N, C-alpha and C. Protein backbone atom coordinates (compact mmCIF):
# COMPACT_ATOMS: atom_id res chain seq x y z
N MET A 1 -30.18 85.62 39.08
CA MET A 1 -30.57 86.68 39.77
C MET A 1 -31.73 86.56 40.47
N ARG A 2 -31.84 86.88 41.61
CA ARG A 2 -32.95 87.10 42.54
C ARG A 2 -33.90 88.45 42.50
N GLN A 3 -35.19 88.06 41.99
CA GLN A 3 -35.82 89.31 42.02
C GLN A 3 -36.62 89.75 43.43
N VAL A 4 -36.22 91.23 43.43
CA VAL A 4 -36.73 91.58 44.86
C VAL A 4 -38.49 91.56 45.09
N ILE A 5 -39.16 91.07 45.80
CA ILE A 5 -40.39 91.01 45.45
C ILE A 5 -41.09 91.46 47.05
N VAL A 6 -42.01 92.29 47.13
CA VAL A 6 -42.29 92.76 48.46
C VAL A 6 -43.79 92.64 48.20
N LEU A 7 -44.50 92.03 49.51
CA LEU A 7 -45.83 91.74 48.95
C LEU A 7 -46.52 92.35 50.21
N PRO A 8 -47.77 92.84 50.22
CA PRO A 8 -48.52 93.11 51.55
C PRO A 8 -48.61 91.99 52.45
N TYR A 9 -49.11 92.53 53.82
CA TYR A 9 -48.46 91.41 54.87
C TYR A 9 -49.72 90.21 54.39
N GLN A 10 -49.32 88.94 54.65
CA GLN A 10 -50.43 88.15 54.57
C GLN A 10 -50.51 86.96 55.91
N SER A 11 -51.64 86.87 56.07
CA SER A 11 -51.90 86.36 57.36
C SER A 11 -51.23 84.73 57.63
N GLU A 12 -51.32 84.20 56.52
CA GLU A 12 -50.69 83.01 56.43
C GLU A 12 -49.05 82.74 56.42
N TRP A 13 -48.54 84.17 57.00
CA TRP A 13 -47.00 83.87 57.48
C TRP A 13 -46.79 83.03 58.69
N ALA A 14 -48.06 83.65 59.65
CA ALA A 14 -47.77 83.44 61.18
C ALA A 14 -48.05 81.60 61.08
N SER A 15 -49.29 81.47 60.37
CA SER A 15 -49.44 79.85 60.65
C SER A 15 -48.06 79.12 59.85
N GLU A 16 -47.39 79.63 58.99
CA GLU A 16 -45.94 79.11 58.13
C GLU A 16 -45.04 79.09 59.23
N TYR A 17 -44.67 80.12 59.99
CA TYR A 17 -43.94 80.35 60.97
C TYR A 17 -43.99 79.26 61.90
N SER A 18 -45.44 78.71 62.60
CA SER A 18 -45.87 78.11 63.48
C SER A 18 -45.85 76.22 62.68
N ARG A 19 -46.11 76.11 61.73
CA ARG A 19 -45.74 74.90 61.13
C ARG A 19 -44.08 74.45 61.27
N GLU A 20 -43.35 75.69 60.78
CA GLU A 20 -41.57 75.54 60.79
C GLU A 20 -41.14 75.59 62.24
N ALA A 21 -41.98 76.22 62.95
CA ALA A 21 -41.19 76.29 64.49
C ALA A 21 -41.67 74.68 64.89
N ASP A 22 -42.47 74.31 64.72
CA ASP A 22 -42.94 72.58 65.39
C ASP A 22 -41.78 71.63 64.69
N GLN A 23 -41.40 71.82 63.75
CA GLN A 23 -40.58 70.79 62.69
C GLN A 23 -39.11 71.26 63.69
N LEU A 24 -38.46 72.30 63.89
CA LEU A 24 -37.65 72.93 64.45
C LEU A 24 -37.43 72.42 65.84
N ARG A 25 -38.67 72.42 66.67
CA ARG A 25 -38.43 71.83 67.86
C ARG A 25 -38.12 70.30 67.90
N GLU A 26 -38.73 69.96 66.85
CA GLU A 26 -38.15 68.16 66.89
C GLU A 26 -36.53 68.13 66.38
N VAL A 27 -35.98 68.69 65.68
CA VAL A 27 -34.83 68.95 65.32
C VAL A 27 -34.09 68.94 66.37
N PHE A 28 -33.98 70.08 67.24
CA PHE A 28 -33.05 70.79 68.27
C PHE A 28 -33.32 69.74 69.66
N GLY A 29 -34.71 69.41 69.68
CA GLY A 29 -35.09 68.87 70.96
C GLY A 29 -34.93 69.71 72.58
N ALA A 30 -34.02 68.83 73.23
CA ALA A 30 -34.03 69.88 74.37
C ALA A 30 -32.79 70.82 74.73
N ARG A 31 -32.00 71.06 73.05
CA ARG A 31 -30.77 72.10 73.20
C ARG A 31 -31.52 73.38 72.89
N LEU A 32 -33.10 73.31 72.44
CA LEU A 32 -33.77 74.50 71.86
C LEU A 32 -34.44 75.01 73.29
N LYS A 33 -34.01 76.46 73.60
CA LYS A 33 -34.75 77.01 74.41
C LYS A 33 -35.80 77.70 74.47
N GLN A 34 -35.64 78.59 73.08
CA GLN A 34 -36.65 79.62 72.73
C GLN A 34 -36.88 79.33 71.51
N ILE A 35 -37.98 80.24 70.64
CA ILE A 35 -37.89 80.18 69.28
C ILE A 35 -38.94 81.36 68.77
N HIS A 36 -38.25 82.00 68.30
CA HIS A 36 -39.52 83.57 67.63
C HIS A 36 -39.30 83.68 66.40
N HIS A 37 -40.53 84.08 65.76
CA HIS A 37 -40.66 84.64 64.52
C HIS A 37 -40.08 85.84 64.63
N MET A 38 -39.18 86.55 63.63
CA MET A 38 -38.94 87.74 63.62
C MET A 38 -38.64 88.35 62.53
N GLY A 39 -38.08 89.51 62.25
CA GLY A 39 -38.41 90.02 60.83
C GLY A 39 -39.48 90.54 60.43
N SER A 40 -39.95 91.03 59.00
CA SER A 40 -41.16 91.79 58.31
C SER A 40 -42.00 90.59 58.51
N THR A 41 -42.30 89.51 58.35
CA THR A 41 -43.29 88.64 58.14
C THR A 41 -44.04 88.26 59.54
N SER A 42 -43.12 88.63 60.75
CA SER A 42 -43.61 88.59 61.95
C SER A 42 -44.42 89.57 62.75
N VAL A 43 -44.63 91.05 61.59
CA VAL A 43 -45.38 91.98 62.12
C VAL A 43 -46.71 92.38 61.41
N PRO A 44 -47.81 92.17 62.07
CA PRO A 44 -49.09 92.16 61.34
C PRO A 44 -49.31 93.48 60.66
N GLY A 45 -49.49 93.53 59.25
CA GLY A 45 -49.92 94.49 58.61
C GLY A 45 -48.32 95.30 57.82
N LEU A 46 -47.65 94.83 58.09
CA LEU A 46 -46.18 95.33 57.65
C LEU A 46 -45.86 94.53 55.80
N ALA A 47 -46.03 95.30 55.14
CA ALA A 47 -45.32 94.73 53.88
C ALA A 47 -44.00 94.07 54.01
N ALA A 48 -43.81 92.86 53.25
CA ALA A 48 -42.39 91.99 53.35
C ALA A 48 -42.27 91.01 52.28
N LYS A 49 -40.90 90.80 52.35
CA LYS A 49 -40.37 89.73 51.33
C LYS A 49 -40.84 88.87 51.66
N PRO A 50 -41.48 87.83 51.16
CA PRO A 50 -42.09 86.65 51.39
C PRO A 50 -41.14 85.59 51.99
N ILE A 51 -40.19 85.64 53.28
CA ILE A 51 -39.51 84.95 53.75
C ILE A 51 -39.82 85.10 55.07
N ILE A 52 -39.89 83.58 55.87
CA ILE A 52 -39.82 83.26 56.98
C ILE A 52 -38.63 83.56 57.69
N ASP A 53 -38.50 84.61 58.53
CA ASP A 53 -37.31 84.52 59.34
C ASP A 53 -37.46 84.28 60.78
N ILE A 54 -36.64 83.13 61.34
CA ILE A 54 -37.15 82.56 62.53
C ILE A 54 -35.74 82.37 63.19
N LEU A 55 -36.12 82.49 64.73
CA LEU A 55 -34.74 83.06 65.50
C LEU A 55 -34.74 81.70 66.27
N PRO A 56 -34.40 80.34 66.50
CA PRO A 56 -34.01 79.56 67.29
C PRO A 56 -32.92 79.90 68.37
N VAL A 57 -33.70 79.96 69.72
CA VAL A 57 -32.13 79.95 70.62
C VAL A 57 -31.91 78.61 71.57
N VAL A 58 -30.71 78.16 71.21
CA VAL A 58 -30.16 77.02 71.66
C VAL A 58 -29.36 77.20 73.06
N ASP A 59 -29.12 76.45 73.94
CA ASP A 59 -28.35 76.34 75.27
C ASP A 59 -27.24 77.09 74.46
N THR A 60 -26.28 76.11 73.87
CA THR A 60 -24.81 76.66 73.37
C THR A 60 -24.70 76.32 71.66
N LEU A 61 -23.80 77.04 71.15
CA LEU A 61 -23.23 76.74 69.80
C LEU A 61 -22.74 75.59 69.17
N GLU A 62 -21.89 75.17 70.66
CA GLU A 62 -20.95 73.90 71.02
C GLU A 62 -21.36 72.68 70.07
N GLY A 63 -20.84 72.11 69.07
CA GLY A 63 -21.37 70.99 68.88
C GLY A 63 -22.99 70.61 67.73
N ILE A 64 -23.74 72.37 67.53
CA ILE A 64 -24.46 72.59 66.98
C ILE A 64 -24.54 71.87 65.56
N GLU A 65 -23.84 71.80 65.16
CA GLU A 65 -23.21 71.24 63.82
C GLU A 65 -24.07 69.74 63.49
N GLN A 66 -23.97 69.35 64.71
CA GLN A 66 -24.86 67.92 64.64
C GLN A 66 -25.92 68.01 63.92
N PHE A 67 -26.62 68.97 64.07
CA PHE A 67 -28.13 68.60 63.62
C PHE A 67 -28.24 69.11 62.41
N ASP A 68 -27.10 69.67 61.52
CA ASP A 68 -27.23 70.03 60.02
C ASP A 68 -27.68 69.05 59.11
N GLY A 69 -27.40 67.91 59.22
CA GLY A 69 -28.28 66.65 58.46
C GLY A 69 -29.84 66.74 58.74
N ARG A 70 -30.13 67.01 59.64
CA ARG A 70 -31.61 66.93 59.98
C ARG A 70 -32.27 68.15 59.41
N MET A 71 -31.62 69.35 59.63
CA MET A 71 -31.96 70.48 59.06
C MET A 71 -31.85 70.44 57.48
N GLU A 72 -31.11 69.56 56.67
CA GLU A 72 -30.85 69.93 55.48
C GLU A 72 -32.19 68.99 55.20
N ALA A 73 -32.42 67.66 55.91
CA ALA A 73 -33.45 66.74 55.58
C ALA A 73 -35.14 67.48 55.30
N LEU A 74 -34.92 68.71 56.05
CA LEU A 74 -36.14 69.33 56.25
C LEU A 74 -35.80 70.26 55.28
N GLY A 75 -35.00 70.39 54.02
CA GLY A 75 -34.96 71.20 53.01
C GLY A 75 -34.12 72.54 53.22
N TYR A 76 -33.59 72.76 54.43
CA TYR A 76 -32.48 73.57 54.82
C TYR A 76 -31.03 73.58 54.32
N GLU A 77 -30.22 74.42 53.85
CA GLU A 77 -28.86 74.69 53.55
C GLU A 77 -28.01 75.18 54.84
N ALA A 78 -27.22 74.72 55.30
CA ALA A 78 -26.23 75.03 56.56
C ALA A 78 -25.54 75.74 55.95
N LYS A 79 -25.44 77.19 56.35
CA LYS A 79 -24.42 78.34 55.95
C LYS A 79 -23.04 78.64 57.32
N GLY A 80 -23.46 77.56 58.06
CA GLY A 80 -22.43 78.22 59.25
C GLY A 80 -22.55 79.74 59.69
N GLU A 81 -21.52 80.26 59.83
CA GLU A 81 -21.97 81.80 60.68
C GLU A 81 -22.16 82.55 59.18
N PHE A 82 -21.93 82.55 57.88
CA PHE A 82 -22.54 83.28 57.03
C PHE A 82 -22.21 84.70 57.34
N GLY A 83 -20.96 85.17 58.01
CA GLY A 83 -20.40 86.51 58.13
C GLY A 83 -20.86 86.98 59.44
N MET A 84 -21.61 86.27 59.95
CA MET A 84 -22.02 86.77 61.21
C MET A 84 -21.52 86.01 62.66
N PRO A 85 -20.65 86.41 63.11
CA PRO A 85 -19.93 85.50 64.16
C PRO A 85 -20.87 85.34 65.36
N GLY A 86 -21.06 84.23 65.73
CA GLY A 86 -22.10 83.75 67.07
C GLY A 86 -23.65 83.56 66.22
N ARG A 87 -23.42 83.16 65.19
CA ARG A 87 -24.78 82.79 64.62
C ARG A 87 -24.46 81.62 63.84
N ARG A 88 -25.39 81.13 63.48
CA ARG A 88 -25.57 79.86 62.47
C ARG A 88 -26.80 80.07 61.68
N TYR A 89 -26.65 79.77 60.28
CA TYR A 89 -27.66 80.40 59.50
C TYR A 89 -28.01 79.59 58.43
N TYR A 90 -29.35 79.27 58.46
CA TYR A 90 -29.86 78.11 57.26
C TYR A 90 -30.96 78.63 56.45
N ARG A 91 -30.77 78.45 55.43
CA ARG A 91 -32.14 79.11 54.10
C ARG A 91 -32.49 77.87 53.73
N LYS A 92 -33.66 77.99 53.34
CA LYS A 92 -34.40 77.08 52.27
C LYS A 92 -35.05 77.74 51.24
N GLY A 93 -35.45 76.68 50.53
CA GLY A 93 -36.35 77.43 49.14
C GLY A 93 -35.35 77.63 48.21
N GLY A 94 -34.19 77.39 48.19
CA GLY A 94 -32.90 77.70 46.80
C GLY A 94 -33.01 79.23 46.66
N ASP A 95 -33.23 79.41 45.37
CA ASP A 95 -33.21 80.91 44.57
C ASP A 95 -34.37 81.55 45.32
N GLU A 96 -35.30 80.69 45.53
CA GLU A 96 -36.74 81.85 46.39
C GLU A 96 -36.40 81.83 47.32
N ARG A 97 -36.07 81.36 48.14
CA ARG A 97 -35.69 81.78 49.95
C ARG A 97 -37.33 81.91 50.62
N THR A 98 -37.33 80.71 50.56
CA THR A 98 -38.65 80.83 51.53
C THR A 98 -38.82 81.09 52.96
N HIS A 99 -37.61 80.58 53.82
CA HIS A 99 -37.19 80.55 55.10
C HIS A 99 -35.87 80.72 55.83
N HIS A 100 -35.64 81.83 56.57
CA HIS A 100 -34.14 81.95 56.86
C HIS A 100 -34.01 81.58 58.34
N ILE A 101 -33.21 80.72 58.81
CA ILE A 101 -33.15 80.50 60.39
C ILE A 101 -31.79 81.31 60.77
N HIS A 102 -31.89 82.15 61.75
CA HIS A 102 -31.13 82.64 62.40
C HIS A 102 -30.52 82.11 63.94
N LEU A 103 -30.05 81.23 64.09
CA LEU A 103 -29.99 80.64 65.30
C LEU A 103 -28.49 81.24 66.29
N TYR A 104 -29.17 81.16 67.53
CA TYR A 104 -28.20 81.78 68.23
C TYR A 104 -28.29 80.99 69.50
N ALA A 105 -27.08 81.24 70.48
CA ALA A 105 -26.90 80.64 72.00
C ALA A 105 -27.65 81.46 73.02
N ALA A 106 -28.05 81.02 73.96
CA ALA A 106 -28.69 81.76 74.68
C ALA A 106 -27.78 82.89 75.40
N GLY A 107 -28.36 83.88 75.41
CA GLY A 107 -27.37 85.11 76.24
C GLY A 107 -26.94 85.89 75.18
N ASP A 108 -26.90 85.66 73.75
CA ASP A 108 -26.37 86.57 72.76
C ASP A 108 -26.84 87.63 72.60
N PRO A 109 -26.70 88.66 72.63
CA PRO A 109 -27.04 90.40 72.21
C PRO A 109 -28.20 90.46 71.16
N GLU A 110 -27.54 89.68 70.21
CA GLU A 110 -28.17 89.96 68.94
C GLU A 110 -29.78 89.41 68.84
N ILE A 111 -29.76 88.61 69.94
CA ILE A 111 -31.82 88.04 70.38
C ILE A 111 -32.25 89.08 70.53
N MET A 112 -31.80 90.00 71.44
CA MET A 112 -32.80 91.02 72.10
C MET A 112 -32.69 91.96 70.83
N ARG A 113 -31.98 92.35 70.34
CA ARG A 113 -32.13 93.65 69.27
C ARG A 113 -32.72 93.36 68.08
N HIS A 114 -33.02 91.81 67.65
CA HIS A 114 -33.90 91.24 66.76
C HIS A 114 -35.38 91.55 67.15
N LEU A 115 -35.54 91.02 68.65
CA LEU A 115 -36.81 90.99 69.48
C LEU A 115 -37.65 92.64 69.66
N VAL A 116 -36.56 93.41 69.81
CA VAL A 116 -37.02 94.74 70.07
C VAL A 116 -37.34 95.59 68.96
N PHE A 117 -36.75 95.25 67.93
CA PHE A 117 -36.91 95.70 66.56
C PHE A 117 -38.30 95.04 65.91
N ARG A 118 -38.77 93.83 66.11
CA ARG A 118 -39.98 93.45 66.01
C ARG A 118 -41.10 94.19 66.91
N ASP A 119 -40.88 93.82 67.98
CA ASP A 119 -41.77 94.17 69.14
C ASP A 119 -41.84 95.68 69.01
N TYR A 120 -41.34 96.66 68.65
CA TYR A 120 -41.09 98.13 68.14
C TYR A 120 -42.17 98.19 67.21
N LEU A 121 -41.99 97.31 65.81
CA LEU A 121 -42.79 97.52 64.75
C LEU A 121 -44.19 97.31 65.31
N ARG A 122 -44.30 96.11 66.18
CA ARG A 122 -45.78 95.56 66.46
C ARG A 122 -46.60 96.38 66.98
N THR A 123 -45.75 97.51 67.98
CA THR A 123 -46.54 98.38 68.63
C THR A 123 -46.63 99.85 68.31
N HIS A 124 -45.84 100.06 67.00
CA HIS A 124 -45.92 101.29 66.55
C HIS A 124 -46.33 101.02 65.11
N PRO A 125 -47.67 100.89 64.93
CA PRO A 125 -48.19 100.70 63.47
C PRO A 125 -47.70 101.78 62.23
N GLU A 126 -47.48 103.16 62.96
CA GLU A 126 -47.14 104.02 61.91
C GLU A 126 -45.80 104.19 61.25
N GLU A 127 -45.08 103.40 62.25
CA GLU A 127 -43.81 102.96 61.81
C GLU A 127 -43.32 102.10 61.28
N ALA A 128 -44.35 101.10 61.02
CA ALA A 128 -44.16 99.89 60.36
C ALA A 128 -44.77 99.86 58.97
N ALA A 129 -45.54 100.99 58.90
CA ALA A 129 -46.13 101.89 57.45
C ALA A 129 -45.26 102.13 56.74
N ALA A 130 -44.30 103.18 57.53
CA ALA A 130 -43.21 103.69 56.75
C ALA A 130 -42.28 103.09 56.53
N TYR A 131 -41.95 101.93 56.87
CA TYR A 131 -41.10 100.86 56.88
C TYR A 131 -41.26 100.39 55.45
N GLY A 132 -42.65 99.81 55.57
CA GLY A 132 -43.17 98.95 54.34
C GLY A 132 -43.49 99.64 53.34
N ALA A 133 -43.64 100.99 53.56
CA ALA A 133 -43.84 101.77 52.40
C ALA A 133 -42.53 102.07 51.52
N LEU A 134 -41.18 102.10 52.20
CA LEU A 134 -39.86 102.20 51.75
C LEU A 134 -39.56 101.28 51.14
N LYS A 135 -39.65 100.04 51.84
CA LYS A 135 -39.61 98.75 51.11
C LYS A 135 -40.07 98.31 49.84
N GLU A 136 -41.33 98.82 49.76
CA GLU A 136 -42.36 98.52 48.27
C GLU A 136 -41.74 99.42 47.27
N GLN A 137 -41.29 100.59 48.06
CA GLN A 137 -40.58 101.58 46.83
C GLN A 137 -39.50 101.44 46.08
N LEU A 138 -38.68 100.84 47.30
CA LEU A 138 -37.35 99.96 46.66
C LEU A 138 -37.11 98.85 46.15
N ALA A 139 -38.43 98.42 46.21
CA ALA A 139 -38.54 96.80 45.43
C ALA A 139 -38.87 97.06 43.92
N THR A 140 -40.07 98.22 43.96
CA THR A 140 -40.36 99.05 42.48
C THR A 140 -38.95 99.49 42.02
N THR A 141 -37.95 100.15 42.47
CA THR A 141 -37.06 100.94 41.88
C THR A 141 -35.81 100.24 41.60
N TYR A 142 -35.78 98.69 42.48
CA TYR A 142 -34.64 97.92 42.55
C TYR A 142 -35.04 96.45 42.30
N PRO A 143 -35.99 96.17 41.18
CA PRO A 143 -36.40 94.94 41.08
C PRO A 143 -35.60 93.73 41.06
N LEU A 144 -34.40 93.86 40.18
CA LEU A 144 -33.25 92.75 40.11
C LEU A 144 -32.30 93.10 41.01
N ASP A 145 -32.19 94.02 41.64
CA ASP A 145 -31.02 94.32 42.47
C ASP A 145 -30.80 94.33 43.88
N ILE A 146 -30.91 92.96 44.64
CA ILE A 146 -31.20 93.06 46.20
C ILE A 146 -29.72 93.75 47.05
N GLU A 147 -28.78 93.97 46.59
CA GLU A 147 -28.15 94.58 47.28
C GLU A 147 -28.52 96.26 47.84
N ALA A 148 -28.68 96.85 46.46
CA ALA A 148 -29.54 98.13 46.15
C ALA A 148 -30.70 98.44 47.50
N TYR A 149 -31.86 97.18 47.16
CA TYR A 149 -32.64 97.14 47.78
C TYR A 149 -32.39 97.27 49.61
N ILE A 150 -31.15 96.45 49.92
CA ILE A 150 -30.90 96.35 51.08
C ILE A 150 -30.17 97.57 51.54
N ALA A 151 -29.41 98.37 50.48
CA ALA A 151 -28.64 99.46 50.84
C ALA A 151 -29.69 100.26 50.97
N GLY A 152 -30.63 100.36 50.24
CA GLY A 152 -31.67 101.66 50.53
C GLY A 152 -32.36 101.70 51.93
N LYS A 153 -32.48 100.81 52.39
CA LYS A 153 -33.29 100.68 53.35
C LYS A 153 -32.39 101.12 54.75
N ASP A 154 -31.06 100.71 54.50
CA ASP A 154 -29.84 100.52 55.48
C ASP A 154 -30.22 101.75 56.55
N ALA A 155 -29.71 103.10 56.23
CA ALA A 155 -30.17 104.12 57.12
C ALA A 155 -31.48 104.21 57.91
N PHE A 156 -32.70 103.81 57.13
CA PHE A 156 -33.92 103.80 57.66
C PHE A 156 -33.83 102.97 59.07
N VAL A 157 -33.33 101.80 58.54
CA VAL A 157 -33.67 100.55 59.26
C VAL A 157 -32.72 100.97 60.96
N LYS A 158 -31.41 101.36 60.73
CA LYS A 158 -30.28 101.90 61.61
C LYS A 158 -31.36 102.88 62.53
N GLU A 159 -31.80 103.87 61.78
CA GLU A 159 -32.80 104.79 62.79
C GLU A 159 -33.94 104.15 63.60
N LEU A 160 -34.55 103.36 62.83
CA LEU A 160 -35.84 102.49 63.62
C LEU A 160 -35.14 101.68 64.88
N GLU A 161 -34.02 101.01 64.40
CA GLU A 161 -33.58 100.30 65.47
C GLU A 161 -32.91 101.29 66.78
N HIS A 162 -32.78 102.40 66.53
CA HIS A 162 -31.86 103.29 67.73
C HIS A 162 -33.63 103.68 68.60
N ARG A 163 -34.61 103.73 67.97
CA ARG A 163 -35.91 104.27 68.49
C ARG A 163 -36.45 103.47 69.04
N ALA A 164 -36.46 101.70 68.43
CA ALA A 164 -36.75 100.59 69.09
C ALA A 164 -35.96 100.40 70.42
N ILE A 165 -34.60 100.59 70.75
CA ILE A 165 -33.80 100.75 71.69
C ILE A 165 -34.28 101.46 73.06
N ALA A 166 -34.57 102.87 72.51
CA ALA A 166 -34.99 103.71 73.32
C ALA A 166 -36.12 103.73 73.81
N TRP A 167 -37.22 102.87 72.90
CA TRP A 167 -38.56 102.79 73.26
C TRP A 167 -38.32 101.39 74.30
N LYS A 168 -37.55 100.66 74.13
CA LYS A 168 -37.34 99.36 75.15
C LYS A 168 -36.73 99.81 76.58
N ASN A 169 -35.72 100.66 76.46
CA ASN A 169 -35.22 101.18 77.59
C ASN A 169 -36.23 102.12 78.61
N ALA A 170 -37.01 102.58 78.12
CA ALA A 170 -38.12 103.58 78.53
C ALA A 170 -38.83 102.73 79.20
N HIS A 171 -39.18 101.37 78.58
CA HIS A 171 -40.16 100.80 79.25
C HIS A 171 -39.56 99.12 80.11
N ASP A 172 -38.50 99.75 80.39
CA ASP A 172 -38.07 98.54 81.60
C ASP A 172 -37.80 98.97 82.83
């Protein structure tokens, strides 16, 4: 059973992303078009589960499984789509889950959704603080129930996503 742990923001999360991104650049080479730090660990000041979420963007998903062996050599477990068509998911750290890779092909709308959410929280510290407080409260309430933790923040996250998209549209 995974314990739900939410920590105050750790500055080393950014350097951990950078180290991992360098390794992913070597793995995917010319197929890699962009790479982004996403999720709560990518927002300075935001409390988060200590899992580095990385969003690599490749030219196409066609044949991308050829890299699974190299990802496994870095300690990742290849999970395929893992419930999300158009994504390839890898995780590292066993039960501790230290890193999640959400790999998409260029042009997938999920890329923008993730980046807009991140950028909105980076530029709206009051929203990030409210989100962090909710996550800390849920982790305290459901320390051994990741499903309840996720369900508890679902409505809040959806509302944040709506505000983030409206904010992006107003600034385009």
